[in-house]
Amino acid sequence: MPFNKNELKNQAIDIACNQGLPALIGDLEKMANKAGKGENLNHPMWKALKQAAQSNDPQTLIDQATTSLKNSGQAEEILKTIT
């Protein structure tokens, strides 16, 4: 049975964005609150990730995550670590 790679890719992105990420975000928030680390949820990176995960558009998710990574200065730190 032949598979359409683009369709499979789009379905995987749709599942991750609409089911996986929001559930993961919710679980991480519960864990942070239980561990007494709820104040960490006020971090700009976390807020950007949460907002991006709640988007219905995969491209918006990617754009927001990329922008927040650039704005946080973490992109430079990651590049220093891997190069």
Protein backbone atom coordinates (compact mmCIF):
# COMPACT_ATOMS: atom_id res chain seq x y z
CA MET A 1 0.00 0.00 0.00
CA PRO A 2 1.64 3.29 -1.04
CA PHE A 3 1.86 6.10 1.49
CA ASN A 4 1.72 9.80 0.79
CA LYS A 5 4.69 11.20 2.74
CA ASN A 6 3.33 14.75 2.79
CA GLU A 7 -0.03 13.58 4.11
CA LEU A 8 1.64 11.52 6.83
CA LYS A 9 3.85 14.47 7.77
CA ASN A 10 0.86 16.82 7.98
CA GLN A 11 -1.06 14.30 10.08
CA ALA A 12 1.87 13.88 12.46
CA ILE A 13 2.23 17.65 12.86
CA ASP A 14 -1.51 17.96 13.41
CA ILE A 15 -1.48 15.29 16.12
CA ALA A 16 1.53 16.84 17.86
CA CYS A 17 0.10 20.35 17.77
CA ASN A 18 -3.50 19.56 18.59
CA GLN A 19 -3.13 16.66 20.99
CA GLY A 20 0.43 16.05 22.11
CA LEU A 21 1.74 19.50 22.93
CA PRO A 22 -1.28 20.85 24.82
CA ALA A 23 -1.40 17.67 26.91
CA LEU A 24 2.34 17.86 27.56
CA ILE A 25 2.10 21.53 28.57
CA GLY A 26 -0.73 20.73 30.99
CA ASP A 27 1.19 17.85 32.55
CA LEU A 28 4.35 19.92 32.96
CA GLU A 29 2.39 22.71 34.64
CA LYS A 30 0.86 20.23 37.09
CA MET A 31 4.29 18.78 37.85
CA ALA A 32 5.80 22.25 38.40
CA ASN A 33 3.00 23.25 40.74
CA LYS A 34 3.23 19.99 42.73
CA ALA A 35 6.98 20.45 43.08
CA GLY A 36 6.52 23.99 44.37
CA LYS A 37 8.09 25.44 41.24
CA GLY A 38 4.97 27.21 39.94
CA GLU A 39 6.82 30.54 39.86
CA ASN A 40 8.95 29.15 37.02
CA LEU A 41 5.84 29.12 34.85
CA ASN A 42 6.07 32.93 34.70
CA HIS A 43 9.28 32.72 32.65
CA PRO A 44 8.90 34.35 29.20
CA MET A 45 10.13 31.21 27.42
CA TRP A 46 7.51 29.07 29.14
CA LYS A 47 4.76 31.57 28.35
CA ALA A 48 5.82 31.67 24.69
CA LEU A 49 5.89 27.88 24.50
CA LYS A 50 2.46 27.61 26.08
CA GLN A 51 1.01 30.21 23.72
CA ALA A 52 2.59 28.50 20.72
CA ALA A 53 1.30 25.08 21.79
CA GLN A 54 -2.24 26.43 21.98
CA SER A 55 -2.15 27.57 18.35
CA ASN A 56 -4.23 25.65 15.84
CA ASP A 57 -1.72 26.30 13.08
CA PRO A 58 1.52 24.27 12.99
CA GLN A 59 3.36 27.05 11.13
CA THR A 60 2.37 29.52 13.85
CA LEU A 61 3.77 27.11 16.44
CA ILE A 62 7.09 26.91 14.62
CA ASP A 63 7.25 30.67 14.04
CA GLN A 64 6.44 31.53 17.67
CA ALA A 65 8.86 28.96 19.06
CA THR A 66 11.63 30.23 16.76
CA THR A 67 10.96 33.86 17.65
CA SER A 68 10.89 33.19 21.38
CA LEU A 69 14.11 31.20 21.13
CA LYS A 70 15.83 34.04 19.27
CA ASN A 71 14.49 36.69 21.64
CA SER A 72 15.53 34.80 24.74
CA GLY A 73 19.18 34.64 23.79
CA GLN A 74 19.03 30.87 24.14
CA ALA A 75 19.74 30.33 20.44
CA GLU A 76 23.24 31.73 20.90
CA GLU A 77 23.82 29.56 23.97
CA ILE A 78 22.68 26.46 22.11
CA LEU A 79 24.95 27.27 19.18
CA LYS A 80 27.93 27.78 21.50
CA THR A 81 27.24 24.42 23.12
CA ILE A 82 27.02 22.45 19.88
CA THR A 83 29.83 24.14 17.95
